[in-house]
């Protein structure tokens, strides 16, 4: 995917027009490079299955803890 930096709003948000249509708003501080208005960018978006699985496990642990806590409270009443 390719895009052009249209502007930087408040020095914080990069507004990127995507070639072929669309627009992205990206925190400018999250970029690995310094960008400015008019820069042409190649954008590569990839899935991160390891991060997704880690998050799924964390959510399941939280759900398990909440369920156990709820069951304990119901038993005490």
PDB file of N, CA and C in Angstrom:
ATOM      1  N   UNK A   1       0.854  -1.157   0.000  1.00  0.00           N
ATOM      2  CA  UNK A   1       0.000   0.000   0.000  1.00  0.00           C
ATOM      3  C   UNK A   1       0.909   1.233   0.000  1.00  0.00           C
ATOM      4  N   UNK A   2       0.448   2.252  -0.677  1.00  0.00           N
ATOM      5  CA  UNK A   2       1.211   3.497  -0.734  1.00  0.00           C
ATOM      6  C   UNK A   2       0.334   4.663  -0.306  1.00  0.00           C
ATOM      7  N   UNK A   3       0.975   5.659   0.279  1.00  0.00           N
ATOM      8  CA  UNK A   3       0.239   6.826   0.721  1.00  0.00           C
ATOM      9  C   UNK A   3       1.112   8.064   0.694  1.00  0.00           C
ATOM     10  N   UNK A   4       0.455   9.191   0.847  1.00  0.00           N
ATOM     11  CA  UNK A   4       1.143  10.484   0.874  1.00  0.00           C
ATOM     12  C   UNK A   4       0.707  11.208   2.144  1.00  0.00           C
ATOM     13  N   UNK A   5       1.681  11.754   2.878  1.00  0.00           N
ATOM     14  CA  UNK A   5       1.368  12.508   4.087  1.00  0.00           C
ATOM     15  C   UNK A   5       0.732  13.834   3.658  1.00  0.00           C
ATOM     16  N   UNK A   6      -0.551  13.969   3.976  1.00  0.00           N
ATOM     17  CA  UNK A   6      -1.280  15.186   3.633  1.00  0.00           C
ATOM     18  C   UNK A   6      -0.893  16.311   4.579  1.00  0.00           C
ATOM     19  N   UNK A   7      -0.874  15.987   5.898  1.00  0.00           N
ATOM     20  CA  UNK A   7      -0.529  16.998   6.897  1.00  0.00           C
ATOM     21  C   UNK A   7      -0.262  16.310   8.233  1.00  0.00           C
ATOM     22  N   UNK A   8       0.343  17.073   9.119  1.00  0.00           N
ATOM     23  CA  UNK A   8       0.537  16.655  10.505  1.00  0.00           C
ATOM     24  C   UNK A   8      -0.303  17.610  11.353  1.00  0.00           C
ATOM     25  N   UNK A   9      -1.294  17.079  12.062  1.00  0.00           N
ATOM     26  CA  UNK A   9      -2.177  17.930  12.863  1.00  0.00           C
ATOM     27  C   UNK A   9      -1.640  18.052  14.284  1.00  0.00           C
ATOM     28  N   UNK A  10      -1.493  19.276  14.738  1.00  0.00           N
ATOM     29  CA  UNK A  10      -1.026  19.584  16.095  1.00  0.00           C
ATOM     30  C   UNK A  10       0.309  18.916  16.414  1.00  0.00           C
ATOM     31  N   UNK A  11       1.089  18.609  15.395  1.00  0.00           N
ATOM     32  CA  UNK A  11       2.377  17.958  15.604  1.00  0.00           C
ATOM     33  C   UNK A  11       2.261  16.536  16.131  1.00  0.00           C
ATOM     34  N   UNK A  12       1.035  15.995  16.135  1.00  0.00           N
ATOM     35  CA  UNK A  12       0.812  14.696  16.752  1.00  0.00           C
ATOM     36  C   UNK A  12       0.230  13.640  15.821  1.00  0.00           C
ATOM     37  N   UNK A  13      -0.692  14.031  14.941  1.00  0.00           N
ATOM     38  CA  UNK A  13      -1.405  13.069  14.109  1.00  0.00           C
ATOM     39  C   UNK A  13      -1.030  13.263  12.641  1.00  0.00           C
ATOM     40  N   UNK A  14      -0.540  12.188  12.029  1.00  0.00           N
ATOM     41  CA  UNK A  14      -0.235  12.223  10.602  1.00  0.00           C
ATOM     42  C   UNK A  14      -1.484  11.809   9.837  1.00  0.00           C
ATOM     43  N   UNK A  15      -1.918  12.657   8.918  1.00  0.00           N
ATOM     44  CA  UNK A  15      -3.044  12.354   8.051  1.00  0.00           C
ATOM     45  C   UNK A  15      -2.455  11.872   6.732  1.00  0.00           C
ATOM     46  N   UNK A  16      -2.687  10.598   6.424  1.00  0.00           N
ATOM     47  CA  UNK A  16      -2.079   9.979   5.249  1.00  0.00           C
ATOM     48  C   UNK A  16      -3.176   9.612   4.256  1.00  0.00           C
ATOM     49  N   UNK A  17      -3.080  10.166   3.044  1.00  0.00           N
ATOM     50  CA  UNK A  17      -4.012   9.811   1.979  1.00  0.00           C
ATOM     51  C   UNK A  17      -3.479   8.559   1.289  1.00  0.00           C
ATOM     52  N   UNK A  18      -4.312   7.536   1.215  1.00  0.00           N
ATOM     53  CA  UNK A  18      -3.916   6.262   0.615  1.00  0.00           C
ATOM     54  C   UNK A  18      -4.187   6.312  -0.878  1.00  0.00           C
ATOM     55  N   UNK A  19      -3.183   5.912  -1.664  1.00  0.00           N
ATOM     56  CA  UNK A  19      -3.374   5.850  -3.115  1.00  0.00           C
ATOM     57  C   UNK A  19      -4.453   4.823  -3.422  1.00  0.00           C
ATOM     58  N   UNK A  20      -5.389   5.200  -4.269  1.00  0.00           N
ATOM     59  CA  UNK A  20      -6.491   4.313  -4.597  1.00  0.00           C
ATOM     60  C   UNK A  20      -7.717   4.567  -3.740  1.00  0.00           C
ATOM     61  N   UNK A  21      -7.591   5.459  -2.768  1.00  0.00           N
ATOM     62  CA  UNK A  21      -8.729   5.820  -1.940  1.00  0.00           C
ATOM     63  C   UNK A  21      -8.536   5.472  -0.487  1.00  0.00           C
ATOM     64  N   UNK A  22      -9.030   6.315   0.367  1.00  0.00           N
ATOM     65  CA  UNK A  22      -8.960   6.092   1.804  1.00  0.00           C
ATOM     66  C   UNK A  22      -7.999   7.046   2.476  1.00  0.00           C
ATOM     67  N   UNK A  23      -8.063   7.025   3.786  1.00  0.00           N
ATOM     68  CA  UNK A  23      -7.229   7.915   4.590  1.00  0.00           C
ATOM     69  C   UNK A  23      -6.917   7.222   5.900  1.00  0.00           C
ATOM     70  N   UNK A  24      -5.706   7.424   6.388  1.00  0.00           N
ATOM     71  CA  UNK A  24      -5.289   6.886   7.677  1.00  0.00           C
ATOM     72  C   UNK A  24      -4.882   8.032   8.585  1.00  0.00           C
ATOM     73  N   UNK A  25      -5.244   7.909   9.855  1.00  0.00           N
ATOM     74  CA  UNK A  25      -4.767   8.838  10.876  1.00  0.00           C
ATOM     75  C   UNK A  25      -3.861   8.023  11.789  1.00  0.00           C
ATOM     76  N   UNK A  26      -2.612   8.452  11.892  1.00  0.00           N
ATOM     77  CA  UNK A  26      -1.618   7.695  12.648  1.00  0.00           C
ATOM     78  C   UNK A  26      -0.898   8.630  13.617  1.00  0.00           C
ATOM     79  N   UNK A  27      -0.743   8.216  14.878  1.00  0.00           N
ATOM     80  CA  UNK A  27       0.056   9.039  15.785  1.00  0.00           C
ATOM     81  C   UNK A  27       1.473   9.206  15.223  1.00  0.00           C
ATOM     82  N   UNK A  28       1.860  10.432  14.969  1.00  0.00           N
ATOM     83  CA  UNK A  28       3.158  10.689  14.337  1.00  0.00           C
ATOM     84  C   UNK A  28       4.306  10.179  15.203  1.00  0.00           C
ATOM     85  N   UNK A  29       4.144  10.180  16.513  1.00  0.00           N
ATOM     86  CA  UNK A  29       5.196   9.706  17.410  1.00  0.00           C
ATOM     87  C   UNK A  29       5.414   8.211  17.346  1.00  0.00           C
ATOM     88  N   UNK A  30       4.476   7.467  16.759  1.00  0.00           N
ATOM     89  CA  UNK A  30       4.613   6.009  16.650  1.00  0.00           C
ATOM     90  C   UNK A  30       5.435   5.586  15.438  1.00  0.00           C
ATOM     91  N   UNK A  31       5.800   6.529  14.623  1.00  0.00           N
ATOM     92  CA  UNK A  31       6.563   6.210  13.413  1.00  0.00           C
ATOM     93  C   UNK A  31       8.033   5.952  13.754  1.00  0.00           C
ATOM     94  N   UNK A  32       8.621   5.005  13.049  1.00  0.00           N
ATOM     95  CA  UNK A  32      10.050   4.731  13.208  1.00  0.00           C
ATOM     96  C   UNK A  32      10.899   5.746  12.450  1.00  0.00           C
ATOM     97  N   UNK A  33      10.237   6.553  11.631  1.00  0.00           N
ATOM     98  CA  UNK A  33      10.933   7.558  10.817  1.00  0.00           C
ATOM     99  C   UNK A  33      10.308   8.924  11.074  1.00  0.00           C
ATOM    100  N   UNK A  34      11.054   9.968  10.769  1.00  0.00           N
ATOM    101  CA  UNK A  34      10.509  11.320  10.855  1.00  0.00           C
ATOM    102  C   UNK A  34       9.826  11.599   9.525  1.00  0.00           C
ATOM    103  N   UNK A  35       8.556  11.993   9.602  1.00  0.00           N
ATOM    104  CA  UNK A  35       7.810  12.276   8.383  1.00  0.00           C
ATOM    105  C   UNK A  35       7.376  13.732   8.373  1.00  0.00           C
ATOM    106  N   UNK A  36       7.106  14.221   7.158  1.00  0.00           N
ATOM    107  CA  UNK A  36       6.611  15.588   7.013  1.00  0.00           C
ATOM    108  C   UNK A  36       5.626  15.624   5.848  1.00  0.00           C
ATOM    109  N   UNK A  37       4.892  16.719   5.761  1.00  0.00           N
ATOM    110  CA  UNK A  37       3.897  16.874   4.711  1.00  0.00           C
ATOM    111  C   UNK A  37       4.518  16.636   3.338  1.00  0.00           C
ATOM    112  N   UNK A  38       3.789  15.901   2.513  1.00  0.00           N
ATOM    113  CA  UNK A  38       4.246  15.643   1.151  1.00  0.00           C
ATOM    114  C   UNK A  38       5.081  14.390   1.005  1.00  0.00           C
ATOM    115  N   UNK A  39       5.502  13.776   2.124  1.00  0.00           N
ATOM    116  CA  UNK A  39       6.289  12.546   2.026  1.00  0.00           C
ATOM    117  C   UNK A  39       5.453  11.427   1.407  1.00  0.00           C
ATOM    118  N   UNK A  40       6.084  10.651   0.544  1.00  0.00           N
ATOM    119  CA  UNK A  40       5.449   9.470  -0.037  1.00  0.00           C
ATOM    120  C   UNK A  40       5.889   8.265   0.791  1.00  0.00           C
ATOM    121  N   UNK A  41       4.911   7.429   1.149  1.00  0.00           N
ATOM    122  CA  UNK A  41       5.195   6.307   2.040  1.00  0.00           C
ATOM    123  C   UNK A  41       4.767   4.990   1.417  1.00  0.00           C
ATOM    124  N   UNK A  42       5.515   3.954   1.706  1.00  0.00           N
ATOM    125  CA  UNK A  42       5.094   2.583   1.437  1.00  0.00           C
ATOM    126  C   UNK A  42       4.672   2.021   2.784  1.00  0.00           C
ATOM    127  N   UNK A  43       3.459   1.501   2.845  1.00  0.00           N
ATOM    128  CA  UNK A  43       2.879   1.059   4.106  1.00  0.00           C
ATOM    129  C   UNK A  43       2.684  -0.445   4.051  1.00  0.00           C
ATOM    130  N   UNK A  44       3.227  -1.129   5.045  1.00  0.00           N
ATOM    131  CA  UNK A  44       3.144  -2.583   5.108  1.00  0.00           C
ATOM    132  C   UNK A  44       2.446  -2.970   6.410  1.00  0.00           C
ATOM    133  N   UNK A  45       1.263  -3.528   6.303  1.00  0.00           N
ATOM    134  CA  UNK A  45       0.506  -3.941   7.480  1.00  0.00           C
ATOM    135  C   UNK A  45       0.504  -5.462   7.522  1.00  0.00           C
ATOM    136  N   UNK A  46       0.899  -6.010   8.663  1.00  0.00           N
ATOM    137  CA  UNK A  46       0.978  -7.460   8.811  1.00  0.00           C
ATOM    138  C   UNK A  46       0.197  -7.899  10.038  1.00  0.00           C
ATOM    139  N   UNK A  47      -0.344  -9.102   9.975  1.00  0.00           N
ATOM    140  CA  UNK A  47      -0.975  -9.690  11.153  1.00  0.00           C
ATOM    141  C   UNK A  47       0.109 -10.169  12.108  1.00  0.00           C
ATOM    142  N   UNK A  48      -0.235 -10.185  13.398  1.00  0.00           N
ATOM    143  CA  UNK A  48       0.698 -10.636  14.427  1.00  0.00           C
ATOM    144  C   UNK A  48       0.019 -11.754  15.233  1.00  0.00           C
ATOM    145  N   UNK A  49       0.086 -12.997  14.735  1.00  0.00           N
ATOM    146  CA  UNK A  49      -0.615 -14.100  15.402  1.00  0.00           C
ATOM    147  C   UNK A  49      -0.106 -14.370  16.812  1.00  0.00           C
ATOM    148  N   UNK A  50       1.169 -14.147  17.084  1.00  0.00           N
ATOM    149  CA  UNK A  50       1.699 -14.388  18.426  1.00  0.00           C
ATOM    150  C   UNK A  50       1.082 -13.415  19.428  1.00  0.00           C
ATOM    151  N   UNK A  51       0.989 -12.155  19.051  1.00  0.00           N
ATOM    152  CA  UNK A  51       0.395 -11.147  19.920  1.00  0.00           C
ATOM    153  C   UNK A  51      -1.085 -11.425  20.139  1.00  0.00           C
ATOM    154  N   UNK A  52      -1.765 -11.850  19.091  1.00  0.00           N
ATOM    155  CA  UNK A  52      -3.186 -12.177  19.186  1.00  0.00           C
ATOM    156  C   UNK A  52      -3.406 -13.330  20.160  1.00  0.00           C
ATOM    157  N   UNK A  53      -2.594 -14.368  20.066  1.00  0.00           N
ATOM    158  CA  UNK A  53      -2.719 -15.520  20.959  1.00  0.00           C
ATOM    159  C   UNK A  53      -2.411 -15.140  22.403  1.00  0.00           C
ATOM    160  N   UNK A  54      -1.399 -14.320  22.606  1.00  0.00           N
ATOM    161  CA  UNK A  54      -1.054 -13.863  23.948  1.00  0.00           C
ATOM    162  C   UNK A  54      -2.223 -13.096  24.565  1.00  0.00           C
ATOM    163  N   UNK A  55      -2.845 -12.210  23.788  1.00  0.00           N
ATOM    164  CA  UNK A  55      -3.977 -11.433  24.277  1.00  0.00           C
ATOM    165  C   UNK A  55      -5.157 -12.344  24.584  1.00  0.00           C
ATOM    166  N   UNK A  56      -5.402 -13.336  23.735  1.00  0.00           N
ATOM    167  CA  UNK A  56      -6.498 -14.279  23.956  1.00  0.00           C
ATOM    168  C   UNK A  56      -6.312 -15.014  25.277  1.00  0.00           C
ATOM    169  N   UNK A  57      -5.083 -15.444  25.559  1.00  0.00           N
ATOM    170  CA  UNK A  57      -4.786 -16.148  26.810  1.00  0.00           C
ATOM    171  C   UNK A  57      -4.993 -15.228  28.020  1.00  0.00           C
ATOM    172  N   UNK A  58      -4.542 -13.984  27.910  1.00  0.00           N
ATOM    173  CA  UNK A  58      -4.718 -13.027  29.007  1.00  0.00           C
ATOM    174  C   UNK A  58      -6.198 -12.777  29.291  1.00  0.00           C
ATOM    175  N   UNK A  59      -6.986 -12.634  28.238  1.00  0.00           N
ATOM    176  CA  UNK A  59      -8.423 -12.408  28.405  1.00  0.00           C
ATOM    177  C   UNK A  59      -9.085 -13.617  29.053  1.00  0.00           C
ATOM    178  N   UNK A  60      -8.712 -14.814  28.627  1.00  0.00           N
ATOM    179  CA  UNK A  60      -9.286 -16.022  29.217  1.00  0.00           C
ATOM    180  C   UNK A  60      -8.935 -16.148  30.693  1.00  0.00           C
ATOM    181  N   UNK A  61      -7.714 -15.759  31.069  1.00  0.00           N
ATOM    182  CA  UNK A  61      -7.319 -15.799  32.485  1.00  0.00           C
ATOM    183  C   UNK A  61      -8.147 -14.820  33.309  1.00  0.00           C
ATOM    184  N   UNK A  62      -8.361 -13.635  32.785  1.00  0.00           N
ATOM    185  CA  UNK A  62      -9.165 -12.631  33.485  1.00  0.00           C
ATOM    186  C   UNK A  62     -10.597 -13.125  33.630  1.00  0.00           C
ATOM    187  N   UNK A  63     -11.149 -13.690  32.564  1.00  0.00           N
ATOM    188  CA  UNK A  63     -12.511 -14.228  32.634  1.00  0.00           C
ATOM    189  C   UNK A  63     -12.603 -15.333  33.682  1.00  0.00           C
ATOM    190  N   UNK A  64     -11.600 -16.196  33.728  1.00  0.00           N
ATOM    191  CA  UNK A  64     -11.580 -17.290  34.703  1.00  0.00           C
ATOM    192  C   UNK A  64     -11.539 -16.732  36.129  1.00  0.00           C
ATOM    193  N   UNK A  65     -10.681 -15.749  36.370  1.00  0.00           N
ATOM    194  CA  UNK A  65     -10.579 -15.134  37.697  1.00  0.00           C
ATOM    195  C   UNK A  65     -11.897 -14.476  38.106  1.00  0.00           C
ATOM    196  N   UNK A  66     -12.534 -13.775  37.181  1.00  0.00           N
ATOM    197  CA  UNK A  66     -13.801 -13.122  37.488  1.00  0.00           C
ATOM    198  C   UNK A  66     -14.897 -14.143  37.784  1.00  0.00           C
ATOM    199  N   UNK A  67     -14.927 -15.225  37.031  1.00  0.00           N
ATOM    200  CA  UNK A  67     -15.912 -16.276  37.267  1.00  0.00           C
ATOM    201  C   UNK A  67     -15.703 -16.912  38.637  1.00  0.00           C
ATOM    202  N   UNK A  68     -14.443 -17.194  38.980  1.00  0.00           N
ATOM    203  CA  UNK A  68     -14.145 -17.787  40.284  1.00  0.00           C
ATOM    204  C   UNK A  68     -14.537 -16.833  41.415  1.00  0.00           C
ATOM    205  N   UNK A  69     -14.245 -15.564  41.240  1.00  0.00           N
ATOM    206  CA  UNK A  69     -14.590 -14.559  42.252  1.00  0.00           C
ATOM    207  C   UNK A  69     -16.108 -14.472  42.424  1.00  0.00           C
ATOM    208  N   UNK A  70     -16.825 -14.514  41.316  1.00  0.00           N
ATOM    209  CA  UNK A  70     -18.284 -14.454  41.354  1.00  0.00           C
ATOM    210  C   UNK A  70     -18.850 -15.683  42.056  1.00  0.00           C
ATOM    211  N   UNK A  71     -18.298 -16.858  41.777  1.00  0.00           N
ATOM    212  CA  UNK A  71     -18.764 -18.083  42.412  1.00  0.00           C
ATOM    213  C   UNK A  71     -18.492 -18.044  43.915  1.00  0.00           C
ATOM    214  N   UNK A  72     -17.342 -17.509  44.328  1.00  0.00           N
ATOM    215  CA  UNK A  72     -17.018 -17.383  45.756  1.00  0.00           C
ATOM    216  C   UNK A  72     -18.011 -16.454  46.442  1.00  0.00           C
ATOM    217  N   UNK A  73     -18.338 -15.342  45.812  1.00  0.00           N
ATOM    218  CA  UNK A  73     -19.280 -14.382  46.402  1.00  0.00           C
ATOM    219  C   UNK A  73     -20.663 -15.010  46.540  1.00  0.00           C
ATOM    220  N   UNK A  74     -21.074 -15.792  45.559  1.00  0.00           N
ATOM    221  CA  UNK A  74     -22.385 -16.441  45.610  1.00  0.00           C
ATOM    222  C   UNK A  74     -22.423 -17.502  46.701  1.00  0.00           C
ATOM    223  N   UNK A  75     -21.309 -18.157  46.945  1.00  0.00           N
ATOM    224  CA  UNK A  75     -21.231 -19.194  47.980  1.00  0.00           C
ATOM    225  C   UNK A  75     -21.293 -18.565  49.361  1.00  0.00           C
ATOM    226  N   UNK A  76     -20.727 -17.379  49.532  1.00  0.00           N
ATOM    227  CA  UNK A  76     -20.673 -16.706  50.833  1.00  0.00           C
ATOM    228  C   UNK A  76     -22.022 -16.101  51.225  1.00  0.00           C
ATOM    229  N   UNK A  77     -22.911 -15.937  50.293  1.00  0.00           N
ATOM    230  CA  UNK A  77     -24.198 -15.287  50.597  1.00  0.00           C
ATOM    231  C   UNK A  77     -25.187 -16.240  51.166  1.00  0.00           C
TER     232      UNK A  77
END
